[in-house]
Every structure is written in structure tokens, then in C-alpha cells.
């Protein structure tokens, strides 16, 4: 079975050229509203994090701080055709995380091998972090103190507990 990639190949430009222009659209288009521009500027696509334990590279250096970008549909679909994921569905999170982590300490080429060698607590942290930024759009979590039952919010993206 051969895999084929299909692209629009300029189809949008051809269709735009064939479509009749409505009279209202022939006039100058109104300038985008400042509120719309502000919304576009406020969209965060990359989030910093700090791992609980840290990734230890081949030289023994510990990398804790990193950044993760928002996932695209392609990021979520690509692991489905990965042979490693087909062989072992649990590998999906390794492949997915390796695609969206843009930096880990001084490492800019984060691949599946790097994620494979992370401690389980760090992988669990990154899976939760991924879910938060892609589903909820933020890195804050509401927590309750087990002693006083007080509710407060913590930012999962970095900083150690007790540090300011």
C-alpha cells in the first residue's frame, strides 16, 4: 500500500480568481478592529515549564527548564501512523511529547529518545502539562490544602513549591 500526500497545489488561488466579487467587497475592506488585533497578539503558543526531577543527558548534566508549544492537528495525527505506536500504543505519549517540546535546557533537538530516557515522574508531569495547555489553555491548577482545606491556585509552568 502506497501512501500519498495530497496538497491543494494552488487550488485556493484558482478558486479565488474564479469567484465573482460581491459589490460590497469591491470597496475597500474595513481595517481590522483593534480588539481583534489585541486578541491575536495575546494568543500564547509556547509555554515554559520546569520538570520535577529533570532530564540527565549523556554528559550527566541535568536539564529542568524547557518549553512546549501548542499541538496542532498534525501533531496528534502523526503518531497514529508511527510503527512504534502501532506496535505499542503506550508509546503514543512519547512520540507526541517529542513533537511539541521545543527546548529542554540547552537541548533544542528533543526527539523520542530524549523523552524515553526521562524519569516517569517527569513524563507524567509533561503529559498533564500538555493536557492543560491544549485543552484548557492555561497552566494554572486549583488545589486544596489537605491540612487546612484552603483553596488556592498554583502555576504548573515553573518554580518550586515554597519559592517565590
N, C-alpha and C. Protein backbone atom coordinates (compact mmCIF):
# COMPACT_ATOMS: atom_id res chain seq x y z
N UNK A 1 0.85 -1.17 0.00
CA UNK A 1 0.00 0.00 0.00
C UNK A 1 0.89 1.23 0.00
N UNK A 2 0.68 2.12 -0.96
CA UNK A 2 1.47 3.34 -1.05
C UNK A 2 0.75 4.48 -0.37
N UNK A 3 1.51 5.32 0.29
CA UNK A 3 0.95 6.48 0.96
C UNK A 3 1.11 7.68 0.05
N UNK A 4 0.07 8.46 -0.09
CA UNK A 4 0.09 9.59 -0.97
C UNK A 4 -0.22 10.86 -0.19
N UNK A 5 0.50 11.92 -0.47
CA UNK A 5 0.22 13.21 0.15
C UNK A 5 -0.52 14.06 -0.86
N UNK A 6 -1.62 14.61 -0.44
CA UNK A 6 -2.43 15.44 -1.32
C UNK A 6 -2.36 16.87 -0.82
N UNK A 7 -2.02 17.80 -1.71
CA UNK A 7 -1.99 19.22 -1.35
C UNK A 7 -2.93 19.97 -2.27
N UNK A 8 -3.27 21.17 -1.83
CA UNK A 8 -4.19 21.97 -2.64
C UNK A 8 -3.51 22.46 -3.91
N UNK A 9 -2.19 22.57 -3.92
CA UNK A 9 -1.45 22.93 -5.12
C UNK A 9 -1.94 24.22 -5.76
N UNK A 10 -2.24 25.23 -4.97
CA UNK A 10 -2.70 26.50 -5.50
C UNK A 10 -4.19 26.52 -5.81
N UNK A 11 -4.93 25.52 -5.36
CA UNK A 11 -6.36 25.46 -5.63
C UNK A 11 -7.09 26.67 -5.05
N UNK A 12 -6.67 27.12 -3.89
CA UNK A 12 -7.32 28.28 -3.28
C UNK A 12 -7.21 29.52 -4.16
N UNK A 13 -6.01 29.74 -4.74
CA UNK A 13 -5.82 30.91 -5.59
C UNK A 13 -6.70 30.82 -6.85
N UNK A 14 -6.80 29.63 -7.43
CA UNK A 14 -7.62 29.44 -8.63
C UNK A 14 -9.09 29.71 -8.30
N UNK A 15 -9.57 29.15 -7.19
CA UNK A 15 -10.96 29.36 -6.80
C UNK A 15 -11.25 30.81 -6.48
N UNK A 16 -10.29 31.50 -5.83
CA UNK A 16 -10.48 32.92 -5.54
C UNK A 16 -10.58 33.74 -6.82
N UNK A 17 -9.80 33.35 -7.83
CA UNK A 17 -9.83 34.07 -9.10
C UNK A 17 -11.13 33.83 -9.87
N UNK A 18 -11.76 32.68 -9.71
CA UNK A 18 -12.99 32.36 -10.42
C UNK A 18 -14.24 32.91 -9.74
N UNK A 19 -14.18 33.11 -8.45
CA UNK A 19 -15.35 33.56 -7.69
C UNK A 19 -15.65 35.01 -8.02
N UNK A 20 -16.94 35.31 -8.30
CA UNK A 20 -17.30 36.71 -8.56
C UNK A 20 -17.18 37.52 -7.27
N UNK A 21 -16.72 38.74 -7.42
CA UNK A 21 -16.55 39.60 -6.25
C UNK A 21 -17.86 40.33 -5.99
N UNK A 22 -18.45 40.17 -4.81
CA UNK A 22 -19.68 40.89 -4.50
C UNK A 22 -19.43 42.39 -4.49
N UNK A 23 -20.45 43.19 -4.84
CA UNK A 23 -20.27 44.65 -4.92
C UNK A 23 -19.73 45.24 -3.62
N UNK A 24 -20.19 44.79 -2.49
CA UNK A 24 -19.74 45.35 -1.22
C UNK A 24 -18.26 45.06 -0.99
N UNK A 25 -17.77 43.94 -1.48
CA UNK A 25 -16.38 43.56 -1.26
C UNK A 25 -15.44 44.31 -2.19
N UNK A 26 -15.97 44.91 -3.29
CA UNK A 26 -15.13 45.64 -4.22
C UNK A 26 -14.62 46.92 -3.60
N UNK A 27 -15.39 47.44 -2.66
CA UNK A 27 -14.94 48.65 -1.97
C UNK A 27 -13.82 48.25 -1.03
N UNK A 28 -13.15 49.24 -0.49
CA UNK A 28 -12.06 48.94 0.42
C UNK A 28 -12.56 48.20 1.64
N UNK A 29 -11.86 47.16 1.99
CA UNK A 29 -12.23 46.39 3.17
C UNK A 29 -11.93 47.22 4.41
N UNK A 30 -12.80 47.14 5.42
CA UNK A 30 -12.54 47.91 6.63
C UNK A 30 -11.30 47.37 7.35
N UNK A 31 -10.64 48.27 8.02
CA UNK A 31 -9.44 47.88 8.77
C UNK A 31 -9.84 46.97 9.91
N UNK A 32 -8.98 45.99 10.25
CA UNK A 32 -9.31 45.11 11.37
C UNK A 32 -9.43 45.92 12.66
N UNK A 33 -10.35 45.51 13.49
CA UNK A 33 -10.59 46.25 14.73
C UNK A 33 -9.42 46.07 15.68
N UNK A 34 -9.13 47.09 16.51
CA UNK A 34 -8.04 46.96 17.48
C UNK A 34 -8.28 45.81 18.46
N UNK A 35 -9.54 45.53 18.79
CA UNK A 35 -9.84 44.43 19.72
C UNK A 35 -9.42 43.10 19.10
N UNK A 36 -9.65 42.93 17.80
CA UNK A 36 -9.26 41.69 17.12
C UNK A 36 -7.75 41.55 17.08
N UNK A 37 -7.05 42.65 16.80
CA UNK A 37 -5.59 42.63 16.80
C UNK A 37 -5.06 42.26 18.18
N UNK A 38 -5.67 42.80 19.23
CA UNK A 38 -5.23 42.52 20.58
C UNK A 38 -5.42 41.04 20.89
N UNK A 39 -6.56 40.45 20.45
CA UNK A 39 -6.80 39.03 20.69
C UNK A 39 -5.74 38.17 20.02
N UNK A 40 -5.34 38.56 18.81
CA UNK A 40 -4.31 37.80 18.10
C UNK A 40 -2.96 37.91 18.79
N UNK A 41 -2.66 39.10 19.33
CA UNK A 41 -1.38 39.30 20.00
C UNK A 41 -1.32 38.51 21.31
N UNK A 42 -2.45 38.32 21.98
CA UNK A 42 -2.46 37.67 23.27
C UNK A 42 -2.43 36.15 23.19
N UNK A 43 -2.55 35.59 22.02
CA UNK A 43 -2.53 34.13 21.87
C UNK A 43 -1.14 33.61 22.19
N UNK A 44 -1.06 32.82 23.23
CA UNK A 44 0.22 32.19 23.60
C UNK A 44 0.29 30.83 22.94
N UNK A 45 1.37 30.58 22.24
CA UNK A 45 1.53 29.28 21.60
C UNK A 45 2.66 28.47 22.21
N UNK A 46 3.43 29.07 23.10
CA UNK A 46 4.53 28.36 23.73
C UNK A 46 4.52 28.65 25.23
N UNK A 47 4.74 27.59 26.02
CA UNK A 47 4.67 27.69 27.46
C UNK A 47 5.93 27.11 28.08
N UNK A 48 6.49 27.82 29.05
CA UNK A 48 7.67 27.34 29.76
C UNK A 48 7.25 26.41 30.89
N UNK A 49 8.13 25.48 31.21
CA UNK A 49 7.87 24.56 32.31
C UNK A 49 9.17 24.25 33.03
N UNK A 50 9.04 23.64 34.20
CA UNK A 50 10.19 23.16 34.96
C UNK A 50 9.87 21.76 35.45
N UNK A 51 10.68 20.80 35.04
CA UNK A 51 10.45 19.40 35.40
C UNK A 51 10.70 19.16 36.89
N UNK A 52 9.94 18.26 37.49
CA UNK A 52 10.14 17.95 38.91
C UNK A 52 11.52 17.36 39.21
N UNK A 53 12.02 16.47 38.35
CA UNK A 53 13.32 15.84 38.58
C UNK A 53 14.37 16.35 37.60
N UNK A 54 14.05 16.35 36.34
CA UNK A 54 14.99 16.82 35.32
C UNK A 54 15.53 15.68 34.47
N UNK A 55 15.86 16.01 33.24
CA UNK A 55 16.43 15.05 32.29
C UNK A 55 17.94 15.09 32.43
N UNK A 56 18.55 13.93 32.56
CA UNK A 56 20.01 13.83 32.67
C UNK A 56 20.56 13.39 31.31
N UNK A 57 21.38 14.24 30.70
CA UNK A 57 21.92 13.91 29.37
C UNK A 57 23.14 13.00 29.49
N UNK A 58 23.75 12.68 28.36
CA UNK A 58 24.89 11.75 28.31
C UNK A 58 26.10 12.24 29.11
N UNK A 59 26.24 13.56 29.26
CA UNK A 59 27.37 14.13 30.00
C UNK A 59 27.05 14.27 31.49
N UNK A 60 25.84 13.88 31.91
CA UNK A 60 25.47 13.98 33.32
C UNK A 60 24.86 15.32 33.71
N UNK A 61 24.64 16.19 32.73
CA UNK A 61 24.05 17.50 33.01
C UNK A 61 22.54 17.35 33.17
N UNK A 62 21.98 18.01 34.18
CA UNK A 62 20.54 17.94 34.44
C UNK A 62 19.86 19.12 33.78
N UNK A 63 18.81 18.83 33.02
CA UNK A 63 18.02 19.86 32.33
C UNK A 63 16.62 19.85 32.93
N UNK A 64 16.22 20.96 33.56
CA UNK A 64 14.90 21.03 34.19
C UNK A 64 13.95 21.97 33.46
N UNK A 65 14.45 23.08 33.01
CA UNK A 65 13.58 24.08 32.38
C UNK A 65 13.46 23.79 30.88
N UNK A 66 12.25 24.01 30.38
CA UNK A 66 12.03 23.78 28.96
C UNK A 66 10.81 24.56 28.49
N UNK A 67 10.44 24.33 27.25
CA UNK A 67 9.24 24.96 26.71
C UNK A 67 8.52 23.98 25.81
N UNK A 68 7.20 24.14 25.79
CA UNK A 68 6.33 23.28 25.00
C UNK A 68 5.39 24.18 24.21
N UNK A 69 5.22 23.85 22.94
CA UNK A 69 4.30 24.63 22.11
C UNK A 69 2.94 23.94 22.07
N UNK A 70 1.93 24.70 21.66
CA UNK A 70 0.61 24.11 21.48
C UNK A 70 0.67 23.07 20.37
N UNK A 71 -0.09 22.02 20.50
CA UNK A 71 -0.13 20.96 19.50
C UNK A 71 -1.04 21.34 18.35
N UNK A 72 -0.70 20.88 17.17
CA UNK A 72 -1.56 21.05 16.01
C UNK A 72 -2.27 19.72 15.74
N UNK A 73 -3.22 19.75 14.85
CA UNK A 73 -3.91 18.51 14.47
C UNK A 73 -2.91 17.51 13.90
N UNK A 74 -1.95 18.01 13.14
CA UNK A 74 -0.92 17.13 12.55
C UNK A 74 -0.11 16.45 13.65
N UNK A 75 0.20 17.19 14.72
CA UNK A 75 0.95 16.60 15.83
C UNK A 75 0.19 15.43 16.45
N UNK A 76 -1.12 15.55 16.53
CA UNK A 76 -1.92 14.49 17.15
C UNK A 76 -2.17 13.33 16.19
N UNK A 77 -2.14 13.60 14.90
CA UNK A 77 -2.38 12.53 13.92
C UNK A 77 -1.11 11.75 13.56
N UNK A 78 0.01 12.42 13.52
CA UNK A 78 1.26 11.79 13.09
C UNK A 78 1.61 10.54 13.90
N UNK A 79 1.46 10.53 15.23
CA UNK A 79 1.81 9.31 15.97
C UNK A 79 0.95 8.10 15.60
N UNK A 80 -0.24 8.33 15.07
CA UNK A 80 -1.12 7.22 14.72
C UNK A 80 -0.55 6.35 13.61
N UNK A 81 0.34 6.92 12.78
CA UNK A 81 0.93 6.14 11.69
C UNK A 81 2.34 5.68 12.02
N UNK A 82 2.83 6.05 13.20
CA UNK A 82 4.17 5.65 13.64
C UNK A 82 4.16 4.16 13.98
N UNK A 83 5.10 3.41 13.43
CA UNK A 83 5.15 1.97 13.67
C UNK A 83 5.38 1.63 15.14
N UNK A 84 6.14 2.46 15.84
CA UNK A 84 6.38 2.20 17.26
C UNK A 84 5.08 2.29 18.06
N UNK A 85 4.20 3.20 17.67
CA UNK A 85 2.92 3.37 18.35
C UNK A 85 1.98 2.23 17.98
N UNK A 86 2.02 1.80 16.72
CA UNK A 86 1.18 0.67 16.31
C UNK A 86 1.58 -0.60 17.05
N UNK A 87 2.87 -0.75 17.28
CA UNK A 87 3.39 -1.91 17.99
C UNK A 87 3.08 -1.84 19.48
N UNK A 88 3.14 -0.63 20.04
CA UNK A 88 2.91 -0.43 21.47
C UNK A 88 2.18 0.90 21.67
N UNK A 89 0.85 0.86 21.83
CA UNK A 89 0.07 2.10 21.95
C UNK A 89 0.52 3.02 23.08
N UNK A 90 1.16 2.49 24.11
CA UNK A 90 1.64 3.32 25.21
C UNK A 90 2.73 4.28 24.75
N UNK A 91 3.36 4.01 23.61
CA UNK A 91 4.43 4.83 23.07
C UNK A 91 3.90 6.14 22.48
N UNK A 92 2.59 6.25 22.33
CA UNK A 92 1.97 7.44 21.74
C UNK A 92 2.39 8.71 22.46
N UNK A 93 2.37 8.69 23.78
CA UNK A 93 2.71 9.91 24.52
C UNK A 93 4.18 10.29 24.33
N UNK A 94 5.06 9.31 24.17
CA UNK A 94 6.48 9.60 23.94
C UNK A 94 6.64 10.34 22.61
N UNK A 95 6.01 9.83 21.56
CA UNK A 95 6.11 10.46 20.24
C UNK A 95 5.47 11.84 20.26
N UNK A 96 4.31 11.94 20.86
CA UNK A 96 3.59 13.22 20.90
C UNK A 96 4.38 14.27 21.67
N UNK A 97 4.89 13.93 22.83
CA UNK A 97 5.66 14.90 23.62
C UNK A 97 6.93 15.31 22.88
N UNK A 98 7.56 14.38 22.18
CA UNK A 98 8.80 14.72 21.46
C UNK A 98 8.53 15.72 20.34
N UNK A 99 7.31 15.78 19.84
CA UNK A 99 6.98 16.72 18.77
C UNK A 99 6.68 18.12 19.28
N UNK A 100 6.17 18.24 20.50
CA UNK A 100 5.74 19.55 20.98
C UNK A 100 6.70 20.21 21.96
N UNK A 101 7.66 19.46 22.50
CA UNK A 101 8.66 20.08 23.37
C UNK A 101 9.69 20.75 22.47
N UNK A 102 9.81 22.05 22.57
CA UNK A 102 10.70 22.79 21.67
C UNK A 102 12.09 22.96 22.24
N UNK A 103 12.21 22.88 23.56
CA UNK A 103 13.52 23.04 24.18
C UNK A 103 13.50 22.40 25.55
N UNK A 104 14.63 21.83 25.93
CA UNK A 104 14.79 21.25 27.26
C UNK A 104 16.19 21.61 27.73
N UNK A 105 16.30 22.62 28.57
CA UNK A 105 17.61 23.13 28.97
C UNK A 105 18.33 23.65 27.74
N UNK A 106 19.51 23.13 27.47
CA UNK A 106 20.26 23.56 26.29
C UNK A 106 19.97 22.68 25.08
N UNK A 107 19.11 21.69 25.24
CA UNK A 107 18.79 20.77 24.15
C UNK A 107 17.65 21.38 23.31
N UNK A 108 17.92 21.57 22.03
CA UNK A 108 16.88 22.10 21.14
C UNK A 108 16.32 21.03 20.22
N UNK A 109 17.00 19.90 20.13
CA UNK A 109 16.51 18.79 19.30
C UNK A 109 15.96 17.70 20.23
N UNK A 110 14.72 17.90 20.66
CA UNK A 110 14.08 16.94 21.56
C UNK A 110 13.39 15.89 20.69
N UNK A 111 13.86 14.65 20.76
CA UNK A 111 13.30 13.57 19.97
C UNK A 111 12.80 12.48 20.91
N UNK A 112 12.21 11.44 20.35
CA UNK A 112 11.62 10.37 21.16
C UNK A 112 12.64 9.73 22.09
N UNK A 113 13.89 9.64 21.68
CA UNK A 113 14.93 9.05 22.52
C UNK A 113 15.15 9.85 23.80
N UNK A 114 15.02 11.16 23.71
CA UNK A 114 15.16 12.01 24.90
C UNK A 114 14.01 11.75 25.85
N UNK A 115 12.78 11.73 25.34
CA UNK A 115 11.61 11.51 26.18
C UNK A 115 11.65 10.12 26.80
N UNK A 116 12.13 9.13 26.05
CA UNK A 116 12.24 7.76 26.56
C UNK A 116 13.13 7.67 27.80
N UNK A 117 14.15 8.51 27.83
CA UNK A 117 15.13 8.45 28.93
C UNK A 117 14.76 9.35 30.11
N UNK A 118 13.60 9.99 30.06
CA UNK A 118 13.16 10.83 31.18
C UNK A 118 12.60 9.95 32.30
N UNK A 119 12.65 10.48 33.51
CA UNK A 119 12.06 9.78 34.64
C UNK A 119 10.54 9.77 34.48
N UNK A 120 9.91 8.74 35.01
CA UNK A 120 8.46 8.58 34.87
C UNK A 120 7.70 9.77 35.46
N UNK A 121 8.21 10.33 36.56
CA UNK A 121 7.52 11.49 37.16
C UNK A 121 7.55 12.69 36.23
N UNK A 122 8.64 12.87 35.50
CA UNK A 122 8.74 13.98 34.56
C UNK A 122 7.82 13.77 33.36
N UNK A 123 7.73 12.53 32.88
CA UNK A 123 6.83 12.23 31.75
C UNK A 123 5.38 12.45 32.17
N UNK A 124 5.03 12.02 33.38
CA UNK A 124 3.67 12.24 33.88
C UNK A 124 3.38 13.73 34.00
N UNK A 125 4.36 14.49 34.48
CA UNK A 125 4.21 15.95 34.57
C UNK A 125 3.97 16.55 33.18
N UNK A 126 4.77 16.13 32.20
CA UNK A 126 4.64 16.67 30.85
C UNK A 126 3.31 16.28 30.20
N UNK A 127 2.83 15.07 30.47
CA UNK A 127 1.53 14.66 29.94
C UNK A 127 0.42 15.55 30.50
N UNK A 128 0.47 15.83 31.79
CA UNK A 128 -0.53 16.71 32.41
C UNK A 128 -0.38 18.13 31.89
N UNK A 129 0.84 18.59 31.74
CA UNK A 129 1.10 19.93 31.23
C UNK A 129 0.55 20.07 29.81
N UNK A 130 0.81 19.05 28.98
CA UNK A 130 0.29 19.02 27.60
C UNK A 130 -1.23 19.14 27.60
N UNK A 131 -1.88 18.34 28.44
CA UNK A 131 -3.34 18.36 28.52
C UNK A 131 -3.84 19.73 28.94
N UNK A 132 -3.19 20.33 29.90
CA UNK A 132 -3.63 21.63 30.40
C UNK A 132 -3.53 22.71 29.34
N UNK A 133 -2.39 22.81 28.68
CA UNK A 133 -2.23 23.91 27.72
C UNK A 133 -3.03 23.69 26.45
N UNK A 134 -3.27 22.44 26.06
CA UNK A 134 -4.01 22.18 24.83
C UNK A 134 -5.51 22.07 25.04
N UNK A 135 -5.95 21.69 26.21
CA UNK A 135 -7.38 21.57 26.47
C UNK A 135 -7.95 22.79 27.17
N UNK A 136 -7.21 23.25 28.17
CA UNK A 136 -7.73 24.33 28.99
C UNK A 136 -7.13 25.68 28.67
N UNK A 137 -6.01 25.70 27.97
CA UNK A 137 -5.42 26.96 27.54
C UNK A 137 -4.60 27.69 28.59
N UNK A 138 -4.32 27.08 29.71
CA UNK A 138 -3.50 27.73 30.73
C UNK A 138 -2.72 26.69 31.52
N UNK A 139 -1.86 27.17 32.40
CA UNK A 139 -1.01 26.27 33.18
C UNK A 139 -1.33 26.32 34.66
N UNK A 140 -2.47 26.90 35.02
CA UNK A 140 -2.85 27.01 36.43
C UNK A 140 -3.72 25.84 36.86
N UNK A 141 -3.57 25.45 38.10
CA UNK A 141 -4.39 24.37 38.65
C UNK A 141 -4.94 24.80 40.00
N UNK A 142 -6.22 24.52 40.22
CA UNK A 142 -6.83 24.79 41.51
C UNK A 142 -6.52 23.62 42.43
N UNK A 143 -6.02 23.94 43.62
CA UNK A 143 -5.67 22.89 44.58
C UNK A 143 -6.28 23.21 45.94
N UNK A 144 -6.37 22.19 46.76
CA UNK A 144 -6.88 22.35 48.12
C UNK A 144 -5.86 21.80 49.09
N UNK A 145 -5.57 22.56 50.12
CA UNK A 145 -4.62 22.13 51.14
C UNK A 145 -5.24 20.99 51.94
N UNK A 146 -4.53 19.86 52.07
CA UNK A 146 -5.10 18.73 52.81
C UNK A 146 -5.21 18.99 54.32
N UNK A 147 -4.46 19.96 54.83
CA UNK A 147 -4.49 20.25 56.26
C UNK A 147 -5.57 21.26 56.63
N UNK A 148 -5.53 22.44 55.97
CA UNK A 148 -6.48 23.49 56.34
C UNK A 148 -7.69 23.55 55.43
N UNK A 149 -7.67 22.78 54.35
CA UNK A 149 -8.74 22.74 53.35
C UNK A 149 -8.94 24.08 52.64
N UNK A 150 -7.93 24.91 52.67
CA UNK A 150 -7.98 26.17 51.94
C UNK A 150 -7.74 25.93 50.47
N UNK A 151 -8.46 26.65 49.63
CA UNK A 151 -8.30 26.51 48.18
C UNK A 151 -7.43 27.63 47.64
N UNK A 152 -6.56 27.30 46.71
CA UNK A 152 -5.73 28.30 46.06
C UNK A 152 -5.32 27.77 44.70
N UNK A 153 -4.63 28.62 43.93
CA UNK A 153 -4.24 28.27 42.58
C UNK A 153 -2.72 28.25 42.48
N UNK A 154 -2.18 27.26 41.77
CA UNK A 154 -0.75 27.20 41.53
C UNK A 154 -0.49 27.19 40.03
N UNK A 155 0.66 27.71 39.66
CA UNK A 155 1.07 27.72 38.26
C UNK A 155 2.03 26.55 38.05
N UNK A 156 1.64 25.62 37.17
CA UNK A 156 2.43 24.42 36.94
C UNK A 156 3.63 24.65 36.03
N UNK A 157 3.72 25.84 35.43
CA UNK A 157 4.74 26.04 34.42
C UNK A 157 6.13 26.21 34.97
N UNK A 158 6.30 26.45 36.23
CA UNK A 158 7.65 26.59 36.75
C UNK A 158 7.66 26.99 38.20
N UNK A 159 8.86 27.06 38.73
CA UNK A 159 9.01 27.44 40.13
C UNK A 159 8.79 26.25 41.03
N UNK A 160 9.51 26.22 42.08
CA UNK A 160 9.38 25.15 43.06
C UNK A 160 8.41 25.58 44.13
N UNK A 161 7.74 24.61 44.75
CA UNK A 161 6.86 24.93 45.86
C UNK A 161 7.67 25.58 46.97
N UNK A 162 7.12 26.64 47.52
CA UNK A 162 7.81 27.33 48.60
C UNK A 162 8.75 28.41 48.10
N UNK A 163 9.00 28.48 46.81
CA UNK A 163 9.85 29.55 46.26
C UNK A 163 8.98 30.63 45.70
N UNK A 164 9.50 31.86 45.68
CA UNK A 164 8.73 32.95 45.09
C UNK A 164 9.49 33.59 43.97
